[in-house]
Amino acid sequence: MTKGDWTVYVDDNFHYMDKEERYRLGSFDSLEAAVAACRKIVDTFLQDNPAKTADELYEHYTLFGQDPWIMRPASASDTPLFSAWDYARRRCNELRS
């Protein structure tokens, strides 16, 4: 793989399926770096949210948060990728437990 093969895009949960609201965050040299960038986006939203319970926080994220995802290079077609919603669920439980 060459430099910058892992590209992170960010969708907006509030504008579900609206590609006009999508932006390209950038390209990364490794899957680990791309995942770290995705986690930072989700963590920032969750930490800045006043929801009181994990369920409320998760619901707010799925309605209004940013949904980062990774486009992998063709040579890594079998590599599991990052799920922002799965990560957000886990973080909500950690932050509100």
PDB file of N, CA and C in Angstrom:
ATOM      1  N   MET A   1       0.841  -1.182   0.000  1.00  0.00           N
ATOM      2  CA  MET A   1       0.000   0.000   0.000  1.00  0.00           C
ATOM      3  C   MET A   1       0.883   1.241   0.000  1.00  0.00           C
ATOM      4  N   THR A   2       0.384   2.262  -0.603  1.00  0.00           N
ATOM      5  CA  THR A   2       1.127   3.503  -0.662  1.00  0.00           C
ATOM      6  C   THR A   2       0.607   4.481   0.377  1.00  0.00           C
ATOM      7  N   LYS A   3       1.346   5.556   0.526  1.00  0.00           N
ATOM      8  CA  LYS A   3       0.978   6.580   1.505  1.00  0.00           C
ATOM      9  C   LYS A   3      -0.431   7.110   1.245  1.00  0.00           C
ATOM     10  N   GLY A   4      -1.210   7.211   2.309  1.00  0.00           N
ATOM     11  CA  GLY A   4      -2.533   7.801   2.203  1.00  0.00           C
ATOM     12  C   GLY A   4      -3.593   6.907   1.602  1.00  0.00           C
ATOM     13  N   ASP A   5      -3.423   5.596   1.723  1.00  0.00           N
ATOM     14  CA  ASP A   5      -4.389   4.667   1.127  1.00  0.00           C
ATOM     15  C   ASP A   5      -5.700   4.555   1.893  1.00  0.00           C
ATOM     16  N   TRP A   6      -5.730   4.942   3.141  1.00  0.00           N
ATOM     17  CA  TRP A   6      -6.912   4.820   3.986  1.00  0.00           C
ATOM     18  C   TRP A   6      -7.582   6.192   4.059  1.00  0.00           C
ATOM     19  N   THR A   7      -8.734   6.338   3.419  1.00  0.00           N
ATOM     20  CA  THR A   7      -9.398   7.633   3.332  1.00  0.00           C
ATOM     21  C   THR A   7     -10.603   7.673   4.262  1.00  0.00           C
ATOM     22  N   VAL A   8     -10.681   8.735   5.057  1.00  0.00           N
ATOM     23  CA  VAL A   8     -11.804   8.914   5.981  1.00  0.00           C
ATOM     24  C   VAL A   8     -12.765   9.946   5.400  1.00  0.00           C
ATOM     25  N   TYR A   9     -14.031   9.542   5.342  1.00  0.00           N
ATOM     26  CA  TYR A   9     -15.121  10.428   4.957  1.00  0.00           C
ATOM     27  C   TYR A   9     -16.022  10.596   6.171  1.00  0.00           C
ATOM     28  N   VAL A  10     -16.744  11.690   6.210  1.00  0.00           N
ATOM     29  CA  VAL A  10     -17.633  11.945   7.339  1.00  0.00           C
ATOM     30  C   VAL A  10     -19.014  12.312   6.810  1.00  0.00           C
ATOM     31  N   ASP A  11     -20.000  11.515   7.214  1.00  0.00           N
ATOM     32  CA  ASP A  11     -21.396  11.787   6.901  1.00  0.00           C
ATOM     33  C   ASP A  11     -22.046  12.446   8.108  1.00  0.00           C
ATOM     34  N   ASP A  12     -23.198  13.015   7.898  1.00  0.00           N
ATOM     35  CA  ASP A  12     -23.937  13.697   8.951  1.00  0.00           C
ATOM     36  C   ASP A  12     -25.200  12.893   9.252  1.00  0.00           C
ATOM     37  N   ASN A  13     -25.313  12.374  10.464  1.00  0.00           N
ATOM     38  CA  ASN A  13     -26.488  11.568  10.811  1.00  0.00           C
ATOM     39  C   ASN A  13     -27.789  12.341  10.652  1.00  0.00           C
ATOM     40  N   PHE A  14     -27.760  13.646  10.870  1.00  0.00           N
ATOM     41  CA  PHE A  14     -28.968  14.450  10.737  1.00  0.00           C
ATOM     42  C   PHE A  14     -29.439  14.523   9.281  1.00  0.00           C
ATOM     43  N   HIS A  15     -28.497  14.417   8.365  1.00  0.00           N
ATOM     44  CA  HIS A  15     -28.804  14.443   6.933  1.00  0.00           C
ATOM     45  C   HIS A  15     -28.506  13.070   6.328  1.00  0.00           C
ATOM     46  N   TYR A  16     -29.089  12.042   6.907  1.00  0.00           N
ATOM     47  CA  TYR A  16     -28.862  10.651   6.503  1.00  0.00           C
ATOM     48  C   TYR A  16     -29.022  10.478   4.995  1.00  0.00           C
ATOM     49  N   MET A  17     -28.056   9.835   4.378  1.00  0.00           N
ATOM     50  CA  MET A  17     -28.056   9.504   2.946  1.00  0.00           C
ATOM     51  C   MET A  17     -27.921  10.725   2.039  1.00  0.00           C
ATOM     52  N   ASP A  18     -27.595  11.885   2.576  1.00  0.00           N
ATOM     53  CA  ASP A  18     -27.426  13.085   1.768  1.00  0.00           C
ATOM     54  C   ASP A  18     -25.932  13.278   1.501  1.00  0.00           C
ATOM     55  N   LYS A  19     -25.501  12.871   0.318  1.00  0.00           N
ATOM     56  CA  LYS A  19     -24.086  12.940  -0.027  1.00  0.00           C
ATOM     57  C   LYS A  19     -23.573  14.377  -0.111  1.00  0.00           C
ATOM     58  N   GLU A  20     -24.471  15.324  -0.233  1.00  0.00           N
ATOM     59  CA  GLU A  20     -24.070  16.734  -0.249  1.00  0.00           C
ATOM     60  C   GLU A  20     -23.516  17.167   1.105  1.00  0.00           C
ATOM     61  N   GLU A  21     -23.897  16.468   2.156  1.00  0.00           N
ATOM     62  CA  GLU A  21     -23.440  16.797   3.511  1.00  0.00           C
ATOM     63  C   GLU A  21     -22.158  16.047   3.881  1.00  0.00           C
ATOM     64  N   ARG A  22     -21.683  15.174   3.023  1.00  0.00           N
ATOM     65  CA  ARG A  22     -20.476  14.385   3.271  1.00  0.00           C
ATOM     66  C   ARG A  22     -19.235  15.232   2.976  1.00  0.00           C
ATOM     67  N   TYR A  23     -18.199  15.007   3.779  1.00  0.00           N
ATOM     68  CA  TYR A  23     -16.917  15.619   3.449  1.00  0.00           C
ATOM     69  C   TYR A  23     -15.785  14.613   3.632  1.00  0.00           C
ATOM     70  N   ARG A  24     -14.710  14.869   2.955  1.00  0.00           N
ATOM     71  CA  ARG A  24     -13.523  14.025   3.039  1.00  0.00           C
ATOM     72  C   ARG A  24     -12.607  14.626   4.094  1.00  0.00           C
ATOM     73  N   LEU A  25     -12.385  13.873   5.171  1.00  0.00           N
ATOM     74  CA  LEU A  25     -11.504  14.349   6.237  1.00  0.00           C
ATOM     75  C   LEU A  25     -10.051  14.315   5.788  1.00  0.00           C
ATOM     76  N   GLY A  26      -9.654  13.222   5.150  1.00  0.00           N
ATOM     77  CA  GLY A  26      -8.275  13.099   4.690  1.00  0.00           C
ATOM     78  C   GLY A  26      -7.878  11.662   4.467  1.00  0.00           C
ATOM     79  N   SER A  27      -6.649  11.494   4.013  1.00  0.00           N
ATOM     80  CA  SER A  27      -6.087  10.164   3.780  1.00  0.00           C
ATOM     81  C   SER A  27      -5.018   9.887   4.821  1.00  0.00           C
ATOM     82  N   PHE A  28      -4.909   8.626   5.184  1.00  0.00           N
ATOM     83  CA  PHE A  28      -4.006   8.223   6.251  1.00  0.00           C
ATOM     84  C   PHE A  28      -3.135   7.068   5.788  1.00  0.00           C
ATOM     85  N   ASP A  29      -1.960   6.971   6.383  1.00  0.00           N
ATOM     86  CA  ASP A  29      -0.985   5.962   5.991  1.00  0.00           C
ATOM     87  C   ASP A  29      -1.305   4.565   6.500  1.00  0.00           C
ATOM     88  N   SER A  30      -2.161   4.479   7.497  1.00  0.00           N
ATOM     89  CA  SER A  30      -2.479   3.171   8.071  1.00  0.00           C
ATOM     90  C   SER A  30      -3.937   3.136   8.521  1.00  0.00           C
ATOM     91  N   LEU A  31      -4.428   1.930   8.670  1.00  0.00           N
ATOM     92  CA  LEU A  31      -5.778   1.751   9.196  1.00  0.00           C
ATOM     93  C   LEU A  31      -5.849   2.304  10.615  1.00  0.00           C
ATOM     94  N   GLU A  32      -4.819   2.082  11.402  1.00  0.00           N
ATOM     95  CA  GLU A  32      -4.818   2.546  12.784  1.00  0.00           C
ATOM     96  C   GLU A  32      -4.949   4.065  12.856  1.00  0.00           C
ATOM     97  N   ALA A  33      -4.268   4.776  11.984  1.00  0.00           N
ATOM     98  CA  ALA A  33      -4.351   6.242  11.974  1.00  0.00           C
ATOM     99  C   ALA A  33      -5.738   6.703  11.531  1.00  0.00           C
ATOM    100  N   ALA A  34      -6.325   6.018  10.574  1.00  0.00           N
ATOM    101  CA  ALA A  34      -7.671   6.364  10.111  1.00  0.00           C
ATOM    102  C   ALA A  34      -8.695   6.114  11.217  1.00  0.00           C
ATOM    103  N   VAL A  35      -8.574   4.998  11.908  1.00  0.00           N
ATOM    104  CA  VAL A  35      -9.487   4.679  13.016  1.00  0.00           C
ATOM    105  C   VAL A  35      -9.345   5.714  14.126  1.00  0.00           C
ATOM    106  N   ALA A  36      -8.124   6.116  14.433  1.00  0.00           N
ATOM    107  CA  ALA A  36      -7.908   7.130  15.477  1.00  0.00           C
ATOM    108  C   ALA A  36      -8.604   8.441  15.108  1.00  0.00           C
ATOM    109  N   ALA A  37      -8.544   8.823  13.852  1.00  0.00           N
ATOM    110  CA  ALA A  37      -9.222  10.046  13.406  1.00  0.00           C
ATOM    111  C   ALA A  37     -10.732   9.910  13.545  1.00  0.00           C
ATOM    112  N   CYS A  38     -11.260   8.756  13.210  1.00  0.00           N
ATOM    113  CA  CYS A  38     -12.702   8.508  13.343  1.00  0.00           C
ATOM    114  C   CYS A  38     -13.133   8.554  14.805  1.00  0.00           C
ATOM    115  N   ARG A  39     -12.363   7.910  15.652  1.00  0.00           N
ATOM    116  CA  ARG A  39     -12.687   7.904  17.086  1.00  0.00           C
ATOM    117  C   ARG A  39     -12.688   9.318  17.660  1.00  0.00           C
ATOM    118  N   LYS A  40     -11.747  10.124  17.230  1.00  0.00           N
ATOM    119  CA  LYS A  40     -11.662  11.505  17.726  1.00  0.00           C
ATOM    120  C   LYS A  40     -12.928  12.284  17.379  1.00  0.00           C
ATOM    121  N   ILE A  41     -13.442  12.101  16.177  1.00  0.00           N
ATOM    122  CA  ILE A  41     -14.674  12.783  15.756  1.00  0.00           C
ATOM    123  C   ILE A  41     -15.834  12.365  16.649  1.00  0.00           C
ATOM    124  N   VAL A  42     -15.985  11.070  16.860  1.00  0.00           N
ATOM    125  CA  VAL A  42     -17.089  10.559  17.694  1.00  0.00           C
ATOM    126  C   VAL A  42     -16.906  11.005  19.139  1.00  0.00           C
ATOM    127  N   ASP A  43     -15.698  10.872  19.665  1.00  0.00           N
ATOM    128  CA  ASP A  43     -15.435  11.255  21.060  1.00  0.00           C
ATOM    129  C   ASP A  43     -15.718  12.729  21.307  1.00  0.00           C
ATOM    130  N   THR A  44     -15.339  13.582  20.380  1.00  0.00           N
ATOM    131  CA  THR A  44     -15.579  15.017  20.538  1.00  0.00           C
ATOM    132  C   THR A  44     -17.064  15.298  20.649  1.00  0.00           C
ATOM    133  N   PHE A  45     -17.857  14.684  19.792  1.00  0.00           N
ATOM    134  CA  PHE A  45     -19.302  14.879  19.859  1.00  0.00           C
ATOM    135  C   PHE A  45     -19.851  14.387  21.197  1.00  0.00           C
ATOM    136  N   LEU A  46     -19.462  13.197  21.609  1.00  0.00           N
ATOM    137  CA  LEU A  46     -20.004  12.605  22.837  1.00  0.00           C
ATOM    138  C   LEU A  46     -19.593  13.396  24.077  1.00  0.00           C
ATOM    139  N   GLN A  47     -18.359  13.849  24.123  1.00  0.00           N
ATOM    140  CA  GLN A  47     -17.874  14.562  25.299  1.00  0.00           C
ATOM    141  C   GLN A  47     -18.496  15.946  25.435  1.00  0.00           C
ATOM    142  N   ASP A  48     -18.904  16.524  24.318  1.00  0.00           N
ATOM    143  CA  ASP A  48     -19.508  17.862  24.341  1.00  0.00           C
ATOM    144  C   ASP A  48     -21.022  17.830  24.489  1.00  0.00           C
ATOM    145  N   ASN A  49     -21.587  16.653  24.736  1.00  0.00           N
ATOM    146  CA  ASN A  49     -23.036  16.503  24.785  1.00  0.00           C
ATOM    147  C   ASN A  49     -23.521  16.394  26.231  1.00  0.00           C
ATOM    148  N   PRO A  50     -24.575  17.126  26.584  1.00  0.00           N
ATOM    149  CA  PRO A  50     -25.050  17.112  27.969  1.00  0.00           C
ATOM    150  C   PRO A  50     -26.025  15.981  28.324  1.00  0.00           C
ATOM    151  N   ALA A  51     -26.282  15.056  27.425  1.00  0.00           N
ATOM    152  CA  ALA A  51     -27.231  13.973  27.719  1.00  0.00           C
ATOM    153  C   ALA A  51     -26.846  13.283  29.032  1.00  0.00           C
ATOM    154  N   LYS A  52     -27.855  12.882  29.782  1.00  0.00           N
ATOM    155  CA  LYS A  52     -27.611  12.346  31.120  1.00  0.00           C
ATOM    156  C   LYS A  52     -27.351  10.849  31.157  1.00  0.00           C
ATOM    157  N   THR A  53     -28.002  10.082  30.296  1.00  0.00           N
ATOM    158  CA  THR A  53     -27.825   8.634  30.324  1.00  0.00           C
ATOM    159  C   THR A  53     -27.116   8.166  29.055  1.00  0.00           C
ATOM    160  N   ALA A  54     -26.588   6.954  29.119  1.00  0.00           N
ATOM    161  CA  ALA A  54     -25.926   6.379  27.941  1.00  0.00           C
ATOM    162  C   ALA A  54     -26.896   6.251  26.777  1.00  0.00           C
ATOM    163  N   ASP A  55     -28.133   5.832  27.055  1.00  0.00           N
ATOM    164  CA  ASP A  55     -29.127   5.687  25.994  1.00  0.00           C
ATOM    165  C   ASP A  55     -29.476   7.025  25.357  1.00  0.00           C
ATOM    166  N   GLU A  56     -29.635   8.059  26.178  1.00  0.00           N
ATOM    167  CA  GLU A  56     -29.920   9.394  25.646  1.00  0.00           C
ATOM    168  C   GLU A  56     -28.753   9.914  24.809  1.00  0.00           C
ATOM    169  N   LEU A  57     -27.557   9.689  25.283  1.00  0.00           N
ATOM    170  CA  LEU A  57     -26.369  10.134  24.566  1.00  0.00           C
ATOM    171  C   LEU A  57     -26.252   9.428  23.217  1.00  0.00           C
ATOM    172  N   TYR A  58     -26.469   8.132  23.222  1.00  0.00           N
ATOM    173  CA  TYR A  58     -26.390   7.360  21.978  1.00  0.00           C
ATOM    174  C   TYR A  58     -27.476   7.799  20.997  1.00  0.00           C
ATOM    175  N   GLU A  59     -28.680   7.996  21.490  1.00  0.00           N
ATOM    176  CA  GLU A  59     -29.758   8.448  20.614  1.00  0.00           C
ATOM    177  C   GLU A  59     -29.426   9.808  20.001  1.00  0.00           C
ATOM    178  N   HIS A  60     -28.892  10.700  20.807  1.00  0.00           N
ATOM    179  CA  HIS A  60     -28.529  12.022  20.304  1.00  0.00           C
ATOM    180  C   HIS A  60     -27.437  11.909  19.240  1.00  0.00           C
ATOM    181  N   TYR A  61     -26.472  11.018  19.480  1.00  0.00           N
ATOM    182  CA  TYR A  61     -25.414  10.804  18.491  1.00  0.00           C
ATOM    183  C   TYR A  61     -25.992  10.278  17.170  1.00  0.00           C
ATOM    184  N   THR A  62     -26.848   9.273  17.244  1.00  0.00           N
ATOM    185  CA  THR A  62     -27.372   8.686  16.006  1.00  0.00           C
ATOM    186  C   THR A  62     -28.295   9.635  15.255  1.00  0.00           C
ATOM    187  N   LEU A  63     -28.846  10.614  15.932  1.00  0.00           N
ATOM    188  CA  LEU A  63     -29.696  11.600  15.266  1.00  0.00           C
ATOM    189  C   LEU A  63     -28.909  12.794  14.739  1.00  0.00           C
ATOM    190  N   PHE A  64     -27.893  13.235  15.479  1.00  0.00           N
ATOM    191  CA  PHE A  64     -27.247  14.505  15.159  1.00  0.00           C
ATOM    192  C   PHE A  64     -25.729  14.462  15.000  1.00  0.00           C
ATOM    193  N   GLY A  65     -25.098  13.368  15.355  1.00  0.00           N
ATOM    194  CA  GLY A  65     -23.637  13.313  15.312  1.00  0.00           C
ATOM    195  C   GLY A  65     -23.074  13.101  13.923  1.00  0.00           C
ATOM    196  N   GLN A  66     -21.778  13.225  13.832  1.00  0.00           N
ATOM    197  CA  GLN A  66     -21.085  12.945  12.589  1.00  0.00           C
ATOM    198  C   GLN A  66     -20.743  11.462  12.548  1.00  0.00           C
ATOM    199  N   ASP A  67     -20.832  10.880  11.362  1.00  0.00           N
ATOM    200  CA  ASP A  67     -20.645   9.441  11.165  1.00  0.00           C
ATOM    201  C   ASP A  67     -19.432   9.204  10.269  1.00  0.00           C
ATOM    202  N   PRO A  68     -18.238   9.137  10.854  1.00  0.00           N
ATOM    203  CA  PRO A  68     -17.043   8.913  10.045  1.00  0.00           C
ATOM    204  C   PRO A  68     -16.947   7.452   9.590  1.00  0.00           C
ATOM    205  N   TRP A  69     -16.417   7.280   8.398  1.00  0.00           N
ATOM    206  CA  TRP A  69     -16.199   5.929   7.871  1.00  0.00           C
ATOM    207  C   TRP A  69     -14.946   5.922   7.015  1.00  0.00           C
ATOM    208  N   ILE A  70     -14.425   4.724   6.814  1.00  0.00           N
ATOM    209  CA  ILE A  70     -13.135   4.569   6.153  1.00  0.00           C
ATOM    210  C   ILE A  70     -13.310   3.839   4.821  1.00  0.00           C
ATOM    211  N   MET A  71     -12.725   4.423   3.781  1.00  0.00           N
ATOM    212  CA  MET A  71     -12.639   3.730   2.503  1.00  0.00           C
ATOM    213  C   MET A  71     -11.261   3.095   2.460  1.00  0.00           C
ATOM    214  N   ARG A  72     -11.253   1.800   2.340  1.00  0.00           N
ATOM    215  CA  ARG A  72      -9.983   1.085   2.360  1.00  0.00           C
ATOM    216  C   ARG A  72      -9.437   0.900   0.946  1.00  0.00           C
ATOM    217  N   PRO A  73      -8.138   0.653   0.850  1.00  0.00           N
ATOM    218  CA  PRO A  73      -7.568   0.364  -0.465  1.00  0.00           C
ATOM    219  C   PRO A  73      -8.027  -1.015  -0.944  1.00  0.00           C
ATOM    220  N   ALA A  74      -8.061  -1.198  -2.248  1.00  0.00           N
ATOM    221  CA  ALA A  74      -8.513  -2.473  -2.827  1.00  0.00           C
ATOM    222  C   ALA A  74      -7.681  -3.648  -2.324  1.00  0.00           C
ATOM    223  N   SER A  75      -6.434  -3.412  -2.023  1.00  0.00           N
ATOM    224  CA  SER A  75      -5.557  -4.488  -1.558  1.00  0.00           C
ATOM    225  C   SER A  75      -5.889  -4.967  -0.148  1.00  0.00           C
ATOM    226  N   ALA A  76      -6.764  -4.264   0.538  1.00  0.00           N
ATOM    227  CA  ALA A  76      -7.134  -4.631   1.913  1.00  0.00           C
ATOM    228  C   ALA A  76      -8.616  -4.963   1.996  1.00  0.00           C
ATOM    229  N   SER A  77      -9.133  -5.608   0.990  1.00  0.00           N
ATOM    230  CA  SER A  77     -10.576  -5.842   0.898  1.00  0.00           C
ATOM    231  C   SER A  77     -11.138  -6.721   2.007  1.00  0.00           C
ATOM    232  N   ASP A  78     -10.296  -7.471   2.682  1.00  0.00           N
ATOM    233  CA  ASP A  78     -10.796  -8.333   3.752  1.00  0.00           C
ATOM    234  C   ASP A  78     -10.579  -7.743   5.147  1.00  0.00           C
ATOM    235  N   THR A  79     -10.091  -6.520   5.214  1.00  0.00           N
ATOM    236  CA  THR A  79      -9.815  -5.876   6.492  1.00  0.00           C
ATOM    237  C   THR A  79     -11.097  -5.340   7.118  1.00  0.00           C
ATOM    238  N   PRO A  80     -11.405  -5.726   8.361  1.00  0.00           N
ATOM    239  CA  PRO A  80     -12.583  -5.151   9.022  1.00  0.00           C
ATOM    240  C   PRO A  80     -12.377  -3.660   9.251  1.00  0.00           C
ATOM    241  N   LEU A  81     -13.428  -2.906   9.069  1.00  0.00           N
ATOM    242  CA  LEU A  81     -13.315  -1.464   9.198  1.00  0.00           C
ATOM    243  C   LEU A  81     -14.014  -0.950  10.444  1.00  0.00           C
ATOM    244  N   PHE A  82     -13.935   0.326  10.650  1.00  0.00           N
ATOM    245  CA  PHE A  82     -14.477   1.027  11.801  1.00  0.00           C
ATOM    246  C   PHE A  82     -15.985   1.254  11.648  1.00  0.00           C
ATOM    247  N   SER A  83     -16.740   1.008  12.705  1.00  0.00           N
ATOM    248  CA  SER A  83     -18.161   1.337  12.745  1.00  0.00           C
ATOM    249  C   SER A  83     -18.353   2.433  13.784  1.00  0.00           C
ATOM    250  N   ALA A  84     -18.692   3.633  13.326  1.00  0.00           N
ATOM    251  CA  ALA A  84     -18.880   4.757  14.245  1.00  0.00           C
ATOM    252  C   ALA A  84     -20.015   4.478  15.226  1.00  0.00           C
ATOM    253  N   TRP A  85     -21.081   3.863  14.754  1.00  0.00           N
ATOM    254  CA  TRP A  85     -22.223   3.608  15.640  1.00  0.00           C
ATOM    255  C   TRP A  85     -21.864   2.588  16.716  1.00  0.00           C
ATOM    256  N   ASP A  86     -21.131   1.538  16.366  1.00  0.00           N
ATOM    257  CA  ASP A  86     -20.700   0.560  17.373  1.00  0.00           C
ATOM    258  C   ASP A  86     -19.757   1.212  18.385  1.00  0.00           C
ATOM    259  N   TYR A  87     -18.829   2.004  17.882  1.00  0.00           N
ATOM    260  CA  TYR A  87     -17.901   2.697  18.762  1.00  0.00           C
ATOM    261  C   TYR A  87     -18.643   3.674  19.678  1.00  0.00           C
ATOM    262  N   ALA A  88     -19.584   4.417  19.110  1.00  0.00           N
ATOM    263  CA  ALA A  88     -20.358   5.379  19.901  1.00  0.00           C
ATOM    264  C   ALA A  88     -21.138   4.676  21.011  1.00  0.00           C
ATOM    265  N   ARG A  89     -21.736   3.547  20.717  1.00  0.00           N
ATOM    266  CA  ARG A  89     -22.498   2.795  21.735  1.00  0.00           C
ATOM    267  C   ARG A  89     -21.580   2.407  22.892  1.00  0.00           C
ATOM    268  N   ARG A  90     -20.423   1.886  22.560  1.00  0.00           N
ATOM    269  CA  ARG A  90     -19.471   1.470  23.590  1.00  0.00           C
ATOM    270  C   ARG A  90     -19.013   2.681  24.422  1.00  0.00           C
ATOM    271  N   ARG A  91     -18.692   3.800  23.759  1.00  0.00           N
ATOM    272  CA  ARG A  91     -18.237   4.990  24.458  1.00  0.00           C
ATOM    273  C   ARG A  91     -19.335   5.615  25.319  1.00  0.00           C
ATOM    274  N   CYS A  92     -20.566   5.583  24.831  1.00  0.00           N
ATOM    275  CA  CYS A  92     -21.684   6.118  25.629  1.00  0.00           C
ATOM    276  C   CYS A  92     -21.789   5.367  26.942  1.00  0.00           C
ATOM    277  N   ASN A  93     -21.674   4.056  26.868  1.00  0.00           N
ATOM    278  CA  ASN A  93     -21.743   3.253  28.082  1.00  0.00           C
ATOM    279  C   ASN A  93     -20.571   3.540  29.009  1.00  0.00           C
ATOM    280  N   GLU A  94     -19.386   3.771  28.443  1.00  0.00           N
ATOM    281  CA  GLU A  94     -18.213   4.091  29.276  1.00  0.00           C
ATOM    282  C   GLU A  94     -18.350   5.481  29.899  1.00  0.00           C
ATOM    283  N   LEU A  95     -18.826   6.438  29.134  1.00  0.00           N
ATOM    284  CA  LEU A  95     -18.918   7.813  29.620  1.00  0.00           C
ATOM    285  C   LEU A  95     -20.029   8.034  30.636  1.00  0.00           C
ATOM    286  N   ARG A  96     -21.084   7.247  30.553  1.00  0.00           N
ATOM    287  CA  ARG A  96     -22.253   7.458  31.424  1.00  0.00           C
ATOM    288  C   ARG A  96     -22.464   6.317  32.416  1.00  0.00           C
ATOM    289  N   SER A  97     -21.438   5.525  32.664  1.00  0.00           N
ATOM    290  CA  SER A  97     -21.600   4.427  33.634  1.00  0.00           C
ATOM    291  C   SER A  97     -21.166   4.836  35.018  1.00  0.00           C
TER     292      SER A  97
END
